């Protein structure tokens, strides 16, 4: 039996997890970007090592955000009677692959990090908007 309130609660919970994961990914990318800049302006071996560690952290955060966005999308599809609940998940499901495509030049890495951060900002805006719609019903 369909329980509208339960489906909305489940969608809100999934949306909040997705939002948290997106914010973690944004922080991780910011850290990776910062260490990349230090490495570019003459950092020694430590900054290069930290850059690689932070890129790995960002990859993990992006993969978690991708999984949480996918779950949010599935939960949204369970809410039947509220118009305008749809997340454009396609663009966000590819941003982890888009960002980690095997870069060699530090300047290219910085550009890709910035583009990934922009995609995350768009995803955060969209999830926040959907959560507002869910909470108003």
N, C-alpha and C. Protein backbone atom coordinates (compact mmCIF):
# COMPACT_ATOMS: atom_id res chain seq x y z
N UNK A 1 0.84 -1.17 0.00
CA UNK A 1 0.00 0.00 0.00
C UNK A 1 0.90 1.25 0.00
N UNK A 2 0.55 2.18 -0.83
CA UNK A 2 1.32 3.42 -0.99
C UNK A 2 1.12 4.33 0.22
N UNK A 3 2.21 4.76 0.82
CA UNK A 3 2.16 5.68 1.95
C UNK A 3 2.94 6.93 1.55
N UNK A 4 2.21 7.96 1.17
CA UNK A 4 2.80 9.21 0.65
C UNK A 4 3.78 9.83 1.62
N UNK A 5 3.40 9.94 2.89
CA UNK A 5 4.28 10.57 3.89
C UNK A 5 5.59 9.79 4.04
N UNK A 6 5.49 8.48 4.06
CA UNK A 6 6.70 7.66 4.19
C UNK A 6 7.61 7.84 2.97
N UNK A 7 7.02 7.85 1.79
CA UNK A 7 7.82 8.02 0.57
C UNK A 7 8.50 9.39 0.55
N UNK A 8 7.80 10.42 1.00
CA UNK A 8 8.41 11.76 1.07
C UNK A 8 9.56 11.76 2.08
N UNK A 9 9.35 11.15 3.25
CA UNK A 9 10.42 11.07 4.26
C UNK A 9 11.64 10.34 3.71
N UNK A 10 11.40 9.23 3.03
CA UNK A 10 12.52 8.47 2.46
C UNK A 10 13.26 9.29 1.41
N UNK A 11 12.52 10.02 0.60
CA UNK A 11 13.15 10.87 -0.42
C UNK A 11 13.95 11.99 0.24
N UNK A 12 13.40 12.59 1.28
CA UNK A 12 14.13 13.66 2.00
C UNK A 12 15.41 13.11 2.61
N UNK A 13 15.33 11.94 3.26
CA UNK A 13 16.52 11.34 3.85
C UNK A 13 17.59 11.05 2.80
N UNK A 14 17.17 10.50 1.67
CA UNK A 14 18.12 10.22 0.59
C UNK A 14 18.70 11.52 0.03
N UNK A 15 17.88 12.55 -0.08
CA UNK A 15 18.35 13.85 -0.56
C UNK A 15 19.35 14.47 0.38
N UNK A 16 19.10 14.35 1.67
CA UNK A 16 20.04 14.90 2.65
C UNK A 16 21.38 14.16 2.61
N UNK A 17 21.33 12.84 2.43
CA UNK A 17 22.59 12.07 2.28
C UNK A 17 23.33 12.50 1.03
N UNK A 18 22.59 12.68 -0.07
CA UNK A 18 23.22 13.12 -1.31
C UNK A 18 23.84 14.50 -1.16
N UNK A 19 23.13 15.39 -0.50
CA UNK A 19 23.64 16.75 -0.27
C UNK A 19 24.92 16.71 0.57
N UNK A 20 24.92 15.91 1.61
CA UNK A 20 26.10 15.77 2.45
C UNK A 20 27.29 15.22 1.65
N UNK A 21 27.04 14.22 0.84
CA UNK A 21 28.10 13.63 0.01
C UNK A 21 28.63 14.64 -0.99
N UNK A 22 27.74 15.42 -1.59
CA UNK A 22 28.17 16.44 -2.54
C UNK A 22 29.05 17.49 -1.86
N UNK A 23 28.66 17.88 -0.67
CA UNK A 23 29.46 18.87 0.07
C UNK A 23 30.83 18.30 0.45
N UNK A 24 30.87 17.02 0.83
CA UNK A 24 32.15 16.37 1.12
C UNK A 24 33.02 16.34 -0.13
N UNK A 25 32.41 16.01 -1.27
CA UNK A 25 33.16 15.97 -2.53
C UNK A 25 33.70 17.35 -2.87
N UNK A 26 32.90 18.37 -2.63
CA UNK A 26 33.34 19.74 -2.91
C UNK A 26 34.55 20.10 -2.05
N UNK A 27 34.48 19.75 -0.76
CA UNK A 27 35.62 20.02 0.14
C UNK A 27 36.86 19.25 -0.31
N UNK A 28 36.68 17.99 -0.68
CA UNK A 28 37.81 17.17 -1.12
C UNK A 28 38.45 17.74 -2.37
N UNK A 29 37.62 18.17 -3.31
CA UNK A 29 38.15 18.77 -4.53
C UNK A 29 38.90 20.07 -4.22
N UNK A 30 38.36 20.86 -3.31
CA UNK A 30 39.04 22.10 -2.92
C UNK A 30 40.41 21.82 -2.33
N UNK A 31 40.49 20.80 -1.51
CA UNK A 31 41.77 20.43 -0.91
C UNK A 31 42.74 19.93 -1.97
N UNK A 32 42.26 19.10 -2.89
CA UNK A 32 43.12 18.60 -3.97
C UNK A 32 43.60 19.76 -4.83
N UNK A 33 42.72 20.70 -5.09
CA UNK A 33 43.10 21.87 -5.89
C UNK A 33 44.17 22.69 -5.18
N UNK A 34 43.99 22.90 -3.89
CA UNK A 34 44.96 23.66 -3.11
C UNK A 34 46.34 23.02 -3.13
N UNK A 35 46.38 21.71 -2.90
CA UNK A 35 47.67 21.02 -2.93
C UNK A 35 48.27 21.02 -4.33
N UNK A 36 47.42 20.97 -5.34
CA UNK A 36 47.91 21.04 -6.72
C UNK A 36 48.57 22.38 -7.01
N UNK A 37 47.99 23.45 -6.48
CA UNK A 37 48.57 24.78 -6.67
C UNK A 37 49.92 24.87 -5.96
N UNK A 38 49.98 24.36 -4.73
CA UNK A 38 51.25 24.36 -3.99
C UNK A 38 52.30 23.59 -4.78
N UNK A 39 51.90 22.46 -5.33
CA UNK A 39 52.83 21.64 -6.12
C UNK A 39 53.30 22.39 -7.36
N UNK A 40 52.39 23.12 -8.00
CA UNK A 40 52.74 23.85 -9.23
C UNK A 40 53.70 25.01 -8.96
N UNK A 41 53.59 25.66 -7.82
CA UNK A 41 54.42 26.83 -7.56
C UNK A 41 55.72 26.48 -6.86
N UNK A 42 56.08 25.23 -6.91
CA UNK A 42 57.39 24.85 -6.42
C UNK A 42 57.41 24.01 -5.17
N UNK A 43 56.31 23.39 -4.87
CA UNK A 43 56.30 22.49 -3.73
C UNK A 43 57.26 21.33 -3.97
N UNK A 44 57.72 20.79 -2.93
CA UNK A 44 58.64 19.66 -3.02
C UNK A 44 57.85 18.36 -3.05
N UNK A 45 58.50 17.29 -2.81
CA UNK A 45 57.88 15.96 -2.87
C UNK A 45 56.67 15.81 -1.99
N UNK A 46 56.68 16.46 -0.81
CA UNK A 46 55.56 16.33 0.10
C UNK A 46 54.27 16.88 -0.50
N UNK A 47 54.36 18.03 -1.17
CA UNK A 47 53.14 18.61 -1.76
C UNK A 47 52.61 17.73 -2.88
N UNK A 48 53.50 17.13 -3.65
CA UNK A 48 53.06 16.21 -4.70
C UNK A 48 52.37 14.99 -4.11
N UNK A 49 52.94 14.47 -3.03
CA UNK A 49 52.32 13.33 -2.35
C UNK A 49 50.95 13.70 -1.80
N UNK A 50 50.87 14.86 -1.14
CA UNK A 50 49.59 15.31 -0.59
C UNK A 50 48.56 15.53 -1.70
N UNK A 51 49.00 16.07 -2.82
CA UNK A 51 48.08 16.28 -3.94
C UNK A 51 47.47 14.95 -4.37
N UNK A 52 48.31 13.93 -4.48
CA UNK A 52 47.80 12.61 -4.90
C UNK A 52 46.87 12.00 -3.86
N UNK A 53 47.20 12.18 -2.58
CA UNK A 53 46.32 11.69 -1.51
C UNK A 53 44.97 12.39 -1.59
N UNK A 54 44.99 13.71 -1.76
CA UNK A 54 43.74 14.48 -1.80
C UNK A 54 42.93 14.18 -3.06
N UNK A 55 43.60 13.91 -4.17
CA UNK A 55 42.88 13.51 -5.39
C UNK A 55 42.19 12.17 -5.14
N UNK A 56 42.86 11.26 -4.44
CA UNK A 56 42.23 9.98 -4.09
C UNK A 56 41.03 10.18 -3.19
N UNK A 57 41.17 11.07 -2.20
CA UNK A 57 40.04 11.38 -1.32
C UNK A 57 38.87 11.96 -2.13
N UNK A 58 39.19 12.85 -3.06
CA UNK A 58 38.15 13.45 -3.89
C UNK A 58 37.46 12.39 -4.74
N UNK A 59 38.23 11.47 -5.29
CA UNK A 59 37.64 10.38 -6.09
C UNK A 59 36.66 9.58 -5.24
N UNK A 60 37.06 9.24 -4.02
CA UNK A 60 36.16 8.48 -3.14
C UNK A 60 34.90 9.28 -2.82
N UNK A 61 35.08 10.56 -2.54
CA UNK A 61 33.92 11.41 -2.24
C UNK A 61 32.98 11.53 -3.43
N UNK A 62 33.55 11.66 -4.62
CA UNK A 62 32.73 11.76 -5.83
C UNK A 62 31.97 10.47 -6.08
N UNK A 63 32.62 9.34 -5.85
CA UNK A 63 31.93 8.06 -6.04
C UNK A 63 30.78 7.90 -5.04
N UNK A 64 30.99 8.34 -3.79
CA UNK A 64 29.91 8.28 -2.80
C UNK A 64 28.77 9.21 -3.20
N UNK A 65 29.11 10.42 -3.65
CA UNK A 65 28.07 11.36 -4.09
C UNK A 65 27.28 10.78 -5.26
N UNK A 66 27.97 10.15 -6.17
CA UNK A 66 27.31 9.52 -7.32
C UNK A 66 26.31 8.46 -6.85
N UNK A 67 26.73 7.62 -5.92
CA UNK A 67 25.84 6.57 -5.40
C UNK A 67 24.65 7.18 -4.66
N UNK A 68 24.91 8.21 -3.87
CA UNK A 68 23.82 8.85 -3.11
C UNK A 68 22.85 9.60 -4.02
N UNK A 69 23.35 10.21 -5.08
CA UNK A 69 22.45 10.86 -6.05
C UNK A 69 21.58 9.84 -6.77
N UNK A 70 22.15 8.71 -7.07
CA UNK A 70 21.38 7.65 -7.72
C UNK A 70 20.26 7.17 -6.81
N UNK A 71 20.57 6.99 -5.54
CA UNK A 71 19.53 6.56 -4.58
C UNK A 71 18.45 7.63 -4.44
N UNK A 72 18.86 8.90 -4.36
CA UNK A 72 17.90 10.00 -4.26
C UNK A 72 16.97 9.98 -5.47
N UNK A 73 17.53 9.78 -6.64
CA UNK A 73 16.73 9.72 -7.86
C UNK A 73 15.69 8.60 -7.78
N UNK A 74 16.10 7.44 -7.29
CA UNK A 74 15.16 6.32 -7.15
C UNK A 74 14.06 6.65 -6.13
N UNK A 75 14.45 7.27 -5.02
CA UNK A 75 13.44 7.63 -4.00
C UNK A 75 12.47 8.68 -4.53
N UNK A 76 12.97 9.62 -5.32
CA UNK A 76 12.09 10.63 -5.91
C UNK A 76 11.04 9.98 -6.81
N UNK A 77 11.45 8.95 -7.52
CA UNK A 77 10.50 8.29 -8.42
C UNK A 77 9.38 7.58 -7.66
N UNK A 78 9.59 7.31 -6.37
CA UNK A 78 8.55 6.67 -5.55
C UNK A 78 7.48 7.66 -5.07
N UNK A 79 7.78 8.95 -5.13
CA UNK A 79 6.82 9.97 -4.70
C UNK A 79 5.92 10.28 -5.89
N UNK A 80 4.67 9.87 -5.80
CA UNK A 80 3.78 9.89 -6.97
C UNK A 80 3.11 11.21 -7.25
N UNK A 81 2.70 11.92 -6.25
CA UNK A 81 1.73 12.98 -6.49
C UNK A 81 2.26 14.40 -6.31
N UNK A 82 3.56 14.58 -6.38
CA UNK A 82 4.12 15.92 -6.30
C UNK A 82 4.76 16.22 -7.65
N UNK A 83 4.33 17.30 -8.27
CA UNK A 83 4.84 17.66 -9.58
C UNK A 83 6.23 18.28 -9.47
N UNK A 84 7.03 18.07 -10.49
CA UNK A 84 8.33 18.73 -10.57
C UNK A 84 9.44 18.07 -9.79
N UNK A 85 9.25 16.82 -9.37
CA UNK A 85 10.31 16.12 -8.66
C UNK A 85 11.06 15.23 -9.65
N UNK A 86 12.17 15.75 -10.10
CA UNK A 86 12.98 14.98 -11.03
C UNK A 86 14.39 15.55 -10.96
N UNK A 87 15.36 14.68 -10.87
CA UNK A 87 16.74 15.16 -10.83
C UNK A 87 17.41 14.75 -12.14
N UNK A 88 18.12 15.67 -12.72
CA UNK A 88 18.87 15.39 -13.94
C UNK A 88 20.15 14.69 -13.55
N UNK A 89 20.04 13.40 -13.29
CA UNK A 89 21.15 12.65 -12.75
C UNK A 89 22.22 12.33 -13.79
N UNK A 90 21.87 12.31 -15.04
CA UNK A 90 22.81 11.91 -16.08
C UNK A 90 24.10 12.70 -16.06
N UNK A 91 24.03 14.01 -15.98
CA UNK A 91 25.23 14.83 -15.98
C UNK A 91 26.09 14.59 -14.75
N UNK A 92 25.47 14.28 -13.63
CA UNK A 92 26.23 14.12 -12.40
C UNK A 92 26.83 12.73 -12.28
N UNK A 93 26.22 11.76 -12.92
CA UNK A 93 26.77 10.41 -12.85
C UNK A 93 28.08 10.30 -13.60
N UNK A 94 28.36 11.22 -14.50
CA UNK A 94 29.59 11.12 -15.26
C UNK A 94 30.68 12.04 -14.75
N UNK A 95 30.41 12.88 -13.76
CA UNK A 95 31.43 13.85 -13.39
C UNK A 95 32.63 13.22 -12.72
N UNK A 96 32.49 12.08 -12.05
CA UNK A 96 33.66 11.43 -11.48
C UNK A 96 34.56 10.91 -12.59
N UNK A 97 33.98 10.32 -13.61
CA UNK A 97 34.78 9.83 -14.74
C UNK A 97 35.40 11.00 -15.49
N UNK A 98 34.64 12.06 -15.65
CA UNK A 98 35.10 13.26 -16.34
C UNK A 98 36.32 13.85 -15.64
N UNK A 99 36.29 13.86 -14.32
CA UNK A 99 37.37 14.48 -13.57
C UNK A 99 38.61 13.60 -13.54
N UNK A 100 38.46 12.30 -13.36
CA UNK A 100 39.60 11.41 -13.19
C UNK A 100 39.86 10.63 -14.46
N UNK A 101 40.36 11.29 -15.46
CA UNK A 101 40.53 10.67 -16.76
C UNK A 101 42.00 10.49 -17.10
N UNK A 102 42.90 10.52 -16.13
CA UNK A 102 44.32 10.33 -16.34
C UNK A 102 45.01 11.57 -16.88
N UNK A 103 45.29 12.53 -16.04
CA UNK A 103 45.90 13.79 -16.46
C UNK A 103 47.39 13.76 -16.21
N UNK A 104 48.13 14.47 -17.04
CA UNK A 104 49.58 14.54 -16.87
C UNK A 104 50.03 15.94 -16.53
N UNK A 105 49.40 16.94 -17.03
CA UNK A 105 49.82 18.33 -16.79
C UNK A 105 49.05 18.90 -15.60
N UNK A 106 49.78 19.51 -14.67
CA UNK A 106 49.15 20.07 -13.48
C UNK A 106 48.12 21.14 -13.83
N UNK A 107 48.36 21.91 -14.85
CA UNK A 107 47.41 22.96 -15.22
C UNK A 107 46.10 22.35 -15.69
N UNK A 108 46.19 21.22 -16.38
CA UNK A 108 44.99 20.51 -16.83
C UNK A 108 44.21 19.97 -15.62
N UNK A 109 44.94 19.48 -14.64
CA UNK A 109 44.29 18.98 -13.43
C UNK A 109 43.51 20.10 -12.76
N UNK A 110 44.12 21.27 -12.66
CA UNK A 110 43.44 22.40 -12.02
C UNK A 110 42.16 22.77 -12.77
N UNK A 111 42.22 22.76 -14.08
CA UNK A 111 41.05 23.07 -14.89
C UNK A 111 39.94 22.03 -14.68
N UNK A 112 40.32 20.77 -14.66
CA UNK A 112 39.33 19.70 -14.47
C UNK A 112 38.72 19.74 -13.07
N UNK A 113 39.53 20.08 -12.08
CA UNK A 113 39.00 20.20 -10.72
C UNK A 113 37.96 21.32 -10.68
N UNK A 114 38.27 22.45 -11.28
CA UNK A 114 37.33 23.59 -11.29
C UNK A 114 36.03 23.21 -11.99
N UNK A 115 36.12 22.49 -13.09
CA UNK A 115 34.92 22.07 -13.81
C UNK A 115 34.10 21.09 -12.96
N UNK A 116 34.78 20.18 -12.27
CA UNK A 116 34.07 19.24 -11.40
C UNK A 116 33.40 19.99 -10.25
N UNK A 117 34.08 21.00 -9.70
CA UNK A 117 33.49 21.80 -8.63
C UNK A 117 32.23 22.52 -9.13
N UNK A 118 32.27 23.03 -10.36
CA UNK A 118 31.08 23.68 -10.92
C UNK A 118 29.92 22.70 -11.05
N UNK A 119 30.21 21.48 -11.48
CA UNK A 119 29.16 20.47 -11.60
C UNK A 119 28.58 20.13 -10.23
N UNK A 120 29.44 20.06 -9.23
CA UNK A 120 28.97 19.78 -7.88
C UNK A 120 28.09 20.92 -7.38
N UNK A 121 28.50 22.16 -7.64
CA UNK A 121 27.66 23.30 -7.24
C UNK A 121 26.29 23.22 -7.88
N UNK A 122 26.23 22.85 -9.15
CA UNK A 122 24.94 22.69 -9.83
C UNK A 122 24.12 21.58 -9.19
N UNK A 123 24.77 20.47 -8.86
CA UNK A 123 24.06 19.36 -8.23
C UNK A 123 23.53 19.76 -6.86
N UNK A 124 24.34 20.48 -6.09
CA UNK A 124 23.90 20.94 -4.77
C UNK A 124 22.67 21.83 -4.91
N UNK A 125 22.70 22.76 -5.85
CA UNK A 125 21.55 23.64 -6.07
C UNK A 125 20.30 22.83 -6.41
N UNK A 126 20.45 21.85 -7.27
CA UNK A 126 19.31 21.05 -7.69
C UNK A 126 18.75 20.22 -6.54
N UNK A 127 19.63 19.59 -5.76
CA UNK A 127 19.17 18.78 -4.63
C UNK A 127 18.49 19.66 -3.59
N UNK A 128 19.07 20.83 -3.30
CA UNK A 128 18.44 21.74 -2.34
C UNK A 128 17.06 22.17 -2.80
N UNK A 129 16.90 22.44 -4.08
CA UNK A 129 15.61 22.84 -4.63
C UNK A 129 14.58 21.71 -4.49
N UNK A 130 15.00 20.49 -4.79
CA UNK A 130 14.09 19.35 -4.67
C UNK A 130 13.71 19.10 -3.21
N UNK A 131 14.67 19.27 -2.31
CA UNK A 131 14.36 19.09 -0.89
C UNK A 131 13.35 20.13 -0.42
N UNK A 132 13.49 21.36 -0.88
CA UNK A 132 12.50 22.39 -0.52
C UNK A 132 11.11 21.99 -1.00
N UNK A 133 11.01 21.48 -2.22
CA UNK A 133 9.70 21.04 -2.74
C UNK A 133 9.14 19.91 -1.89
N UNK A 134 9.98 18.94 -1.54
CA UNK A 134 9.51 17.83 -0.74
C UNK A 134 9.02 18.29 0.64
N UNK A 135 9.77 19.19 1.24
CA UNK A 135 9.42 19.65 2.59
C UNK A 135 8.17 20.51 2.61
N UNK A 136 7.85 21.14 1.51
CA UNK A 136 6.66 22.01 1.47
C UNK A 136 5.38 21.23 1.24
N UNK A 137 5.46 19.94 1.10
CA UNK A 137 4.26 19.12 0.88
C UNK A 137 3.92 18.26 2.05
